[in-house]
Amino acid sequence: MVDPAVHSKVKAPATALMVLAVLGLLYSLFSIFTSALSGEVYEGVLEEMRRSLSQSGQELPPFLESLFLSGSSIGVALAILNAALWIFVLFGALRMRQLRSRSLCVTAAVLTLAPIQCCCGLGIATGIWALVVLNREDVRQSFSDA
């Protein structure tokens, strides 16, 4: 039987990680949407550049065209990767509330420390808080690794 005091120690940081993960996931979904739309904007800009250059008898350099078109694809790919990381953090926070899979919980807390996410300051504070709680001896012993 797990001590209720241990549950109360992990509840708050786990909940904070969940809230942060949901915010990060929403931001990632917004980024996927805006990056996908920016591809259409880039195509319009490219068409306008082609039109103005063709009037003067010039052509658009191929590297510039590929640079414009790859920008939105890279943005979508990075936003999808970020969404996957937030889903992992959410899963780790849920496991933390259940006192299961400590190593997964620690990994999720460490991921929130990365300065590439939307709520950087909150992520650092929450990640450190979760790591401090996860490294307490009574909490460490209460985890089941199943």
C-alpha atoms as a PDB file:
ATOM      1  CA  MET A   1       0.000   0.000   0.000  1.00  0.00           C
ATOM      2  CA  VAL A   2       1.336   3.408  -0.989  1.00  0.00           C
ATOM      3  CA  ASP A   3       1.549   6.122   1.606  1.00  0.00           C
ATOM      4  CA  PRO A   4      -1.088   8.857   0.968  1.00  0.00           C
ATOM      5  CA  ALA A   5       1.531  11.466   1.853  1.00  0.00           C
ATOM      6  CA  VAL A   6       3.590  10.353  -1.146  1.00  0.00           C
ATOM      7  CA  HIS A   7       0.563  10.674  -3.407  1.00  0.00           C
ATOM      8  CA  SER A   8       0.041  14.218  -2.169  1.00  0.00           C
ATOM      9  CA  LYS A   9       3.709  15.046  -2.878  1.00  0.00           C
ATOM     10  CA  VAL A  10       3.544  13.969  -6.532  1.00  0.00           C
ATOM     11  CA  LYS A  11       0.026  15.202  -7.268  1.00  0.00           C
ATOM     12  CA  ALA A  12       0.811  18.911  -7.655  1.00  0.00           C
ATOM     13  CA  PRO A  13       3.926  18.649  -9.877  1.00  0.00           C
ATOM     14  CA  ALA A  14       2.274  15.936 -11.957  1.00  0.00           C
ATOM     15  CA  THR A  15      -0.779  18.126 -12.459  1.00  0.00           C
ATOM     16  CA  ALA A  16       1.443  21.070 -13.386  1.00  0.00           C
ATOM     17  CA  LEU A  17       3.227  18.873 -15.943  1.00  0.00           C
ATOM     18  CA  MET A  18      -0.148  17.838 -17.375  1.00  0.00           C
ATOM     19  CA  VAL A  19      -1.313  21.436 -17.711  1.00  0.00           C
ATOM     20  CA  LEU A  20       1.982  22.403 -19.319  1.00  0.00           C
ATOM     21  CA  ALA A  21       1.764  19.440 -21.691  1.00  0.00           C
ATOM     22  CA  VAL A  22      -1.760  20.358 -22.778  1.00  0.00           C
ATOM     23  CA  LEU A  23      -0.691  23.981 -23.377  1.00  0.00           C
ATOM     24  CA  GLY A  24       2.354  22.808 -25.312  1.00  0.00           C
ATOM     25  CA  LEU A  25       0.262  20.398 -27.340  1.00  0.00           C
ATOM     26  CA  LEU A  26      -2.244  23.117 -28.227  1.00  0.00           C
ATOM     27  CA  TYR A  27       0.599  25.396 -29.260  1.00  0.00           C
ATOM     28  CA  SER A  28       2.104  22.603 -31.371  1.00  0.00           C
ATOM     29  CA  LEU A  29      -1.206  21.994 -33.120  1.00  0.00           C
ATOM     30  CA  PHE A  30      -1.474  25.725 -33.809  1.00  0.00           C
ATOM     31  CA  SER A  31       2.088  25.665 -35.200  1.00  0.00           C
ATOM     32  CA  ILE A  32       1.263  22.726 -37.468  1.00  0.00           C
ATOM     33  CA  PHE A  33      -1.721  24.627 -38.823  1.00  0.00           C
ATOM     34  CA  THR A  34       0.135  27.929 -39.349  1.00  0.00           C
ATOM     35  CA  SER A  35       3.182  26.226 -40.883  1.00  0.00           C
ATOM     36  CA  ALA A  36       0.965  24.369 -43.328  1.00  0.00           C
ATOM     37  CA  LEU A  37      -0.778  27.619 -44.258  1.00  0.00           C
ATOM     38  CA  SER A  38       2.518  29.437 -44.676  1.00  0.00           C
ATOM     39  CA  GLY A  39       3.321  27.056 -47.548  1.00  0.00           C
ATOM     40  CA  GLU A  40       0.385  28.515 -49.455  1.00  0.00           C
ATOM     41  CA  VAL A  41       1.581  32.034 -48.637  1.00  0.00           C
ATOM     42  CA  TYR A  42       5.096  31.159 -49.836  1.00  0.00           C
ATOM     43  CA  GLU A  43       3.720  29.823 -53.096  1.00  0.00           C
ATOM     44  CA  GLY A  44       1.885  33.117 -53.634  1.00  0.00           C
ATOM     45  CA  VAL A  45       5.044  35.089 -52.911  1.00  0.00           C
ATOM     46  CA  LEU A  46       7.035  32.872 -55.273  1.00  0.00           C
ATOM     47  CA  GLU A  47       4.480  33.351 -58.026  1.00  0.00           C
ATOM     48  CA  GLU A  48       4.641  37.112 -57.587  1.00  0.00           C
ATOM     49  CA  MET A  49       8.472  37.009 -57.669  1.00  0.00           C
ATOM     50  CA  ARG A  50       8.423  34.877 -60.825  1.00  0.00           C
ATOM     51  CA  ARG A  51       5.991  37.257 -62.487  1.00  0.00           C
ATOM     52  CA  SER A  52       8.019  40.379 -61.666  1.00  0.00           C
ATOM     53  CA  LEU A  53      11.302  38.741 -62.696  1.00  0.00           C
ATOM     54  CA  SER A  54       9.887  37.432 -65.982  1.00  0.00           C
ATOM     55  CA  GLN A  55       8.816  40.967 -66.929  1.00  0.00           C
ATOM     56  CA  SER A  56      12.448  42.035 -66.697  1.00  0.00           C
ATOM     57  CA  GLY A  57      13.673  38.930 -68.534  1.00  0.00           C
ATOM     58  CA  GLN A  58      15.168  37.221 -65.478  1.00  0.00           C
ATOM     59  CA  GLU A  59      14.488  33.911 -63.779  1.00  0.00           C
ATOM     60  CA  LEU A  60      14.141  33.024 -60.140  1.00  0.00           C
ATOM     61  CA  PRO A  61      17.228  31.107 -58.922  1.00  0.00           C
ATOM     62  CA  PRO A  62      16.317  27.456 -58.211  1.00  0.00           C
ATOM     63  CA  PHE A  63      17.925  27.483 -54.746  1.00  0.00           C
ATOM     64  CA  LEU A  64      15.718  30.413 -53.713  1.00  0.00           C
ATOM     65  CA  GLU A  65      12.602  28.609 -54.899  1.00  0.00           C
ATOM     66  CA  SER A  66      13.512  25.437 -52.999  1.00  0.00           C
ATOM     67  CA  LEU A  67      14.323  27.491 -49.902  1.00  0.00           C
ATOM     68  CA  PHE A  68      10.855  29.035 -49.901  1.00  0.00           C
ATOM     69  CA  LEU A  69       9.083  25.736 -50.498  1.00  0.00           C
ATOM     70  CA  SER A  70      11.043  23.733 -47.903  1.00  0.00           C
ATOM     71  CA  GLY A  71      10.468  26.268 -45.119  1.00  0.00           C
ATOM     72  CA  SER A  72       6.864  25.298 -44.511  1.00  0.00           C
ATOM     73  CA  SER A  73       7.641  21.545 -44.684  1.00  0.00           C
ATOM     74  CA  ILE A  74      10.363  21.885 -42.071  1.00  0.00           C
ATOM     75  CA  GLY A  75       8.045  23.961 -39.864  1.00  0.00           C
ATOM     76  CA  VAL A  76       5.318  21.317 -40.042  1.00  0.00           C
ATOM     77  CA  ALA A  77       7.795  18.516 -39.289  1.00  0.00           C
ATOM     78  CA  LEU A  78       9.223  20.349 -36.260  1.00  0.00           C
ATOM     79  CA  ALA A  79       5.752  21.161 -34.943  1.00  0.00           C
ATOM     80  CA  ILE A  80       4.741  17.485 -35.268  1.00  0.00           C
ATOM     81  CA  LEU A  81       7.890  16.446 -33.392  1.00  0.00           C
ATOM     82  CA  ASN A  82       7.115  19.002 -30.685  1.00  0.00           C
ATOM     83  CA  ALA A  83       3.548  17.680 -30.401  1.00  0.00           C
ATOM     84  CA  ALA A  84       4.891  14.140 -29.993  1.00  0.00           C
ATOM     85  CA  LEU A  85       7.197  15.307 -27.198  1.00  0.00           C
ATOM     86  CA  TRP A  86       4.298  16.987 -25.381  1.00  0.00           C
ATOM     87  CA  ILE A  87       2.238  13.814 -25.679  1.00  0.00           C
ATOM     88  CA  PHE A  88       5.157  11.956 -24.080  1.00  0.00           C
ATOM     89  CA  VAL A  89       5.293  14.538 -21.254  1.00  0.00           C
ATOM     90  CA  LEU A  90       1.542  14.166 -20.723  1.00  0.00           C
ATOM     91  CA  PHE A  91       1.886  10.387 -20.527  1.00  0.00           C
ATOM     92  CA  GLY A  92       4.802  10.741 -18.084  1.00  0.00           C
ATOM     93  CA  ALA A  93       2.774  13.088 -15.889  1.00  0.00           C
ATOM     94  CA  LEU A  94      -0.108  10.613 -15.822  1.00  0.00           C
ATOM     95  CA  ARG A  95       2.304   7.850 -14.814  1.00  0.00           C
ATOM     96  CA  MET A  96       3.744  10.115 -12.130  1.00  0.00           C
ATOM     97  CA  ARG A  97       0.298  10.516 -10.567  1.00  0.00           C
ATOM     98  CA  GLN A  98      -0.007   6.710 -10.576  1.00  0.00           C
ATOM     99  CA  LEU A  99       3.504   6.296  -9.095  1.00  0.00           C
ATOM    100  CA  ARG A 100       4.532   4.044 -11.984  1.00  0.00           C
ATOM    101  CA  SER A 101       7.540   4.030 -14.306  1.00  0.00           C
ATOM    102  CA  ARG A 102       9.822   6.432 -12.469  1.00  0.00           C
ATOM    103  CA  SER A 103      12.387   6.558 -15.288  1.00  0.00           C
ATOM    104  CA  LEU A 104       9.662   7.571 -17.745  1.00  0.00           C
ATOM    105  CA  CYS A 105       8.530  10.282 -15.340  1.00  0.00           C
ATOM    106  CA  VAL A 106      12.073  11.599 -14.949  1.00  0.00           C
ATOM    107  CA  THR A 107      12.494  11.664 -18.736  1.00  0.00           C
ATOM    108  CA  ALA A 108       9.236  13.583 -19.132  1.00  0.00           C
ATOM    109  CA  ALA A 109      10.335  16.103 -16.492  1.00  0.00           C
ATOM    110  CA  VAL A 110      13.710  16.562 -18.204  1.00  0.00           C
ATOM    111  CA  LEU A 111      11.988  17.193 -21.552  1.00  0.00           C
ATOM    112  CA  THR A 112      10.155  20.168 -20.046  1.00  0.00           C
ATOM    113  CA  LEU A 113      13.526  21.748 -19.283  1.00  0.00           C
ATOM    114  CA  ALA A 114      14.301  22.140 -23.001  1.00  0.00           C
ATOM    115  CA  PRO A 115      14.195  25.821 -24.003  1.00  0.00           C
ATOM    116  CA  ILE A 116      12.603  25.006 -27.374  1.00  0.00           C
ATOM    117  CA  GLN A 117       9.069  24.685 -26.072  1.00  0.00           C
ATOM    118  CA  CYS A 118       6.364  27.349 -25.905  1.00  0.00           C
ATOM    119  CA  CYS A 119       6.241  27.880 -22.139  1.00  0.00           C
ATOM    120  CA  CYS A 120       9.983  27.972 -21.524  1.00  0.00           C
ATOM    121  CA  GLY A 121      10.013  29.612 -18.088  1.00  0.00           C
ATOM    122  CA  LEU A 122       7.131  27.534 -16.824  1.00  0.00           C
ATOM    123  CA  GLY A 123       8.689  24.407 -18.273  1.00  0.00           C
ATOM    124  CA  ILE A 124      11.986  24.956 -16.489  1.00  0.00           C
ATOM    125  CA  ALA A 125      10.312  25.662 -13.145  1.00  0.00           C
ATOM    126  CA  THR A 126       7.894  22.742 -13.459  1.00  0.00           C
ATOM    127  CA  GLY A 127      10.582  20.339 -14.647  1.00  0.00           C
ATOM    128  CA  ILE A 128      12.874  21.191 -11.752  1.00  0.00           C
ATOM    129  CA  TRP A 129       9.985  20.890  -9.283  1.00  0.00           C
ATOM    130  CA  ALA A 130       9.039  17.469 -10.661  1.00  0.00           C
ATOM    131  CA  LEU A 131      12.657  16.261 -10.581  1.00  0.00           C
ATOM    132  CA  VAL A 132      13.097  17.395  -6.981  1.00  0.00           C
ATOM    133  CA  VAL A 133       9.942  15.532  -5.937  1.00  0.00           C
ATOM    134  CA  LEU A 134      10.842  12.439  -7.971  1.00  0.00           C
ATOM    135  CA  ASN A 135      14.258  12.260  -6.290  1.00  0.00           C
ATOM    136  CA  ARG A 136      12.946  12.295  -2.728  1.00  0.00           C
ATOM    137  CA  GLU A 137      13.712   8.987  -1.089  1.00  0.00           C
ATOM    138  CA  ASP A 138      10.151   8.212   0.046  1.00  0.00           C
ATOM    139  CA  VAL A 139       8.780   9.012  -3.423  1.00  0.00           C
ATOM    140  CA  ARG A 140      11.503   6.991  -5.128  1.00  0.00           C
ATOM    141  CA  GLN A 141      10.696   3.927  -3.016  1.00  0.00           C
ATOM    142  CA  SER A 142       6.951   4.258  -3.674  1.00  0.00           C
ATOM    143  CA  PHE A 143       7.280   3.855  -7.429  1.00  0.00           C
ATOM    144  CA  SER A 144       6.496   0.561  -9.067  1.00  0.00           C
ATOM    145  CA  ASP A 145       8.408  -0.052 -12.272  1.00  0.00           C
ATOM    146  CA  ALA A 146       5.612  -1.964 -13.963  1.00  0.00           C
END
